[in-house]
């Protein structure tokens, strides 16, 4: 594509990929908007009370895929980060991943800012970003976290 950066070509290829589209068809996520270099995706979630919900994420993708995505949990109506009291709740993994921290991104090893924090790329190589990863890798991780409350629902005794 003439006049289109390699990053934008990679993003478009990821959005058109069978893996990304399979997640859309399964109802795991949906594209809300995309204007290079910002992609907003809504990811389905299961709340601790077993209700369904979705959370939006704003991916800043300059330099993608050589540069990891920078992902923030997002309120598209306010065009700002989601308020702390509206962030996902559940297990320590869930609250830890979506906590408010000084860099403002999701707290995952594949995130541009969080991944550089401490020794995450060494400690969690299966979750660390590398240029062979795609957007679906990050979305599958987010979806897995956001639906992990489902498992705890089945651990409770039935009434």
Protein backbone atom coordinates (compact mmCIF):
# COMPACT_ATOMS: atom_id res chain seq x y z
CA UNK A 1 0.00 0.00 0.00
CA UNK A 2 1.51 3.27 -1.12
CA UNK A 3 1.67 5.97 1.55
CA UNK A 4 0.73 3.59 4.36
CA UNK A 5 3.30 3.02 7.09
CA UNK A 6 4.51 -0.50 7.90
CA UNK A 7 2.82 -0.17 11.32
CA UNK A 8 -0.53 0.64 9.75
CA UNK A 9 -0.14 -2.24 7.29
CA UNK A 10 0.53 -4.62 10.20
CA UNK A 11 -2.49 -3.33 12.14
CA UNK A 12 -4.80 -3.69 9.14
CA UNK A 13 -3.50 -7.22 8.55
CA UNK A 14 -4.18 -8.09 12.20
CA UNK A 15 -7.71 -6.65 12.09
CA UNK A 16 -8.45 -8.64 8.92
CA UNK A 17 -6.84 -11.85 10.20
CA UNK A 18 -8.82 -15.02 10.78
CA UNK A 19 -7.75 -15.04 14.45
CA UNK A 20 -9.05 -11.53 15.13
CA UNK A 21 -12.26 -12.13 13.19
CA UNK A 22 -12.86 -15.43 15.03
CA UNK A 23 -12.82 -13.52 18.32
CA UNK A 24 -15.36 -11.08 16.88
CA UNK A 25 -17.61 -13.94 15.72
CA UNK A 26 -17.37 -15.64 19.14
CA UNK A 27 -18.40 -12.37 20.81
CA UNK A 28 -15.10 -12.01 22.68
CA UNK A 29 -14.38 -8.52 21.37
CA UNK A 30 -15.47 -5.96 18.81
CA UNK A 31 -13.73 -3.07 17.12
CA UNK A 32 -15.18 0.24 18.29
CA UNK A 33 -13.01 2.61 16.25
CA UNK A 34 -9.72 2.82 14.44
CA UNK A 35 -7.83 5.86 13.24
CA UNK A 36 -4.12 5.15 12.94
CA UNK A 37 -2.36 4.85 15.35
CA UNK A 38 -5.27 4.46 17.83
CA UNK A 39 -7.51 1.41 17.96
CA UNK A 40 -10.37 1.06 20.44
CA UNK A 41 -11.70 -2.42 21.10
CA UNK A 42 -14.49 -3.53 23.46
CA UNK A 43 -13.76 -6.83 25.23
CA UNK A 44 -16.51 -8.91 26.84
CA UNK A 45 -16.34 -9.60 30.56
CA UNK A 46 -18.01 -11.59 33.30
CA UNK A 47 -18.51 -9.66 36.50
CA UNK A 48 -18.16 -11.27 39.95
CA UNK A 49 -21.99 -11.46 40.19
CA UNK A 50 -21.95 -13.47 36.90
CA UNK A 51 -23.48 -10.65 34.84
CA UNK A 52 -22.05 -9.85 31.43
CA UNK A 53 -20.32 -6.60 30.63
CA UNK A 54 -17.71 -5.20 28.30
CA UNK A 55 -14.73 -2.93 28.79
CA UNK A 56 -13.10 -0.77 26.16
CA UNK A 57 -9.37 -0.55 25.60
CA UNK A 58 -7.49 2.16 23.76
CA UNK A 59 -4.44 0.78 21.99
CA UNK A 60 -1.80 3.26 20.87
CA UNK A 61 0.07 1.42 18.11
CA UNK A 62 2.85 3.68 16.81
CA UNK A 63 5.71 1.46 15.59
CA UNK A 64 3.62 -1.72 15.81
CA UNK A 65 4.52 -4.63 15.88
CA UNK A 66 8.18 -3.83 16.59
CA UNK A 67 7.02 -1.56 19.41
CA UNK A 68 4.55 -3.14 21.86
CA UNK A 69 1.02 -1.79 22.10
CA UNK A 70 0.25 0.75 24.80
CA UNK A 71 -3.16 -0.24 26.19
CA UNK A 72 -5.36 1.79 28.49
CA UNK A 73 -8.75 0.78 29.87
CA UNK A 74 -10.96 3.39 28.27
CA UNK A 75 -14.21 5.29 28.53
CA UNK A 76 -14.99 6.16 24.89
CA UNK A 77 -17.90 8.45 25.82
CA UNK A 78 -15.57 10.63 27.89
CA UNK A 79 -12.56 10.00 25.60
CA UNK A 80 -10.54 9.35 28.76
CA UNK A 81 -9.28 6.52 30.93
CA UNK A 82 -12.01 4.61 32.72
CA UNK A 83 -12.63 5.89 36.21
CA UNK A 84 -11.03 3.79 38.95
CA UNK A 85 -14.35 2.88 40.58
CA UNK A 86 -15.64 1.46 37.26
CA UNK A 87 -12.68 -0.83 36.55
CA UNK A 88 -13.06 -4.63 36.51
CA UNK A 89 -13.32 -6.40 39.83
CA UNK A 90 -12.73 -10.00 40.82
CA UNK A 91 -9.63 -11.99 41.67
CA UNK A 92 -6.30 -10.41 42.56
CA UNK A 93 -5.16 -11.12 38.96
CA UNK A 94 -8.08 -9.12 37.59
CA UNK A 95 -7.79 -6.16 39.93
CA UNK A 96 -3.99 -6.15 39.56
CA UNK A 97 -4.13 -6.06 35.76
CA UNK A 98 -6.54 -3.12 35.70
CA UNK A 99 -5.33 -1.15 38.71
CA UNK A 100 -4.55 2.52 38.40
CA UNK A 101 -0.77 2.89 38.41
CA UNK A 102 1.57 5.75 37.58
CA UNK A 103 1.91 4.90 33.86
CA UNK A 104 -1.84 4.50 33.34
CA UNK A 105 -1.75 1.45 31.09
CA UNK A 106 -3.03 -2.05 31.74
CA UNK A 107 -0.59 -3.84 33.99
CA UNK A 108 0.42 -6.71 31.69
CA UNK A 109 3.88 -7.88 30.53
CA UNK A 110 3.00 -7.29 26.85
CA UNK A 111 2.08 -3.62 27.38
CA UNK A 112 4.61 -1.03 26.16
CA UNK A 113 4.95 0.70 29.54
CA UNK A 114 4.11 -2.09 32.00
CA UNK A 115 6.33 -4.62 30.23
CA UNK A 116 9.35 -2.40 30.76
CA UNK A 117 8.55 -2.26 34.48
CA UNK A 118 10.77 -4.43 36.69
CA UNK A 119 11.87 -7.65 35.03
CA UNK A 120 8.54 -8.66 33.50
CA UNK A 121 9.91 -9.69 30.13
CA UNK A 122 12.27 -12.12 31.87
CA UNK A 123 9.84 -13.28 34.55
CA UNK A 124 6.90 -13.80 32.13
CA UNK A 125 8.33 -14.62 28.70
CA UNK A 126 5.08 -16.24 27.53
CA UNK A 127 3.27 -12.94 28.16
CA UNK A 128 6.03 -10.59 27.01
CA UNK A 129 5.69 -8.76 23.71
CA UNK A 130 7.83 -9.58 20.71
CA UNK A 131 7.44 -8.43 17.08
CA UNK A 132 5.93 -11.79 16.06
CA UNK A 133 2.94 -11.21 18.33
CA UNK A 134 -0.32 -9.78 16.98
CA UNK A 135 -3.22 -7.80 18.41
CA UNK A 136 -5.15 -10.99 19.05
CA UNK A 137 -2.44 -12.06 21.51
CA UNK A 138 -3.20 -9.03 23.70
CA UNK A 139 -6.96 -9.34 23.24
CA UNK A 140 -6.96 -13.02 24.19
CA UNK A 141 -5.07 -12.16 27.37
CA UNK A 142 -7.52 -9.35 28.23
CA UNK A 143 -10.55 -11.52 27.45
CA UNK A 144 -9.15 -14.37 29.55
CA UNK A 145 -8.70 -12.06 32.52
CA UNK A 146 -12.09 -10.41 32.10
CA UNK A 147 -13.94 -13.73 31.92
CA UNK A 148 -11.97 -15.44 34.68
CA UNK A 149 -14.76 -14.53 37.10
CA UNK A 150 -16.82 -17.22 35.35
CA UNK A 151 -14.68 -19.96 36.88
CA UNK A 152 -15.20 -18.67 40.41
CA UNK A 153 -18.96 -18.64 39.81
CA UNK A 154 -18.91 -22.42 39.45
CA UNK A 155 -16.83 -22.81 42.62
CA UNK A 156 -19.63 -21.38 44.78
CA UNK A 157 -22.14 -23.74 46.35
CA UNK A 158 -25.49 -23.60 44.61
CA UNK A 159 -28.40 -22.13 46.53
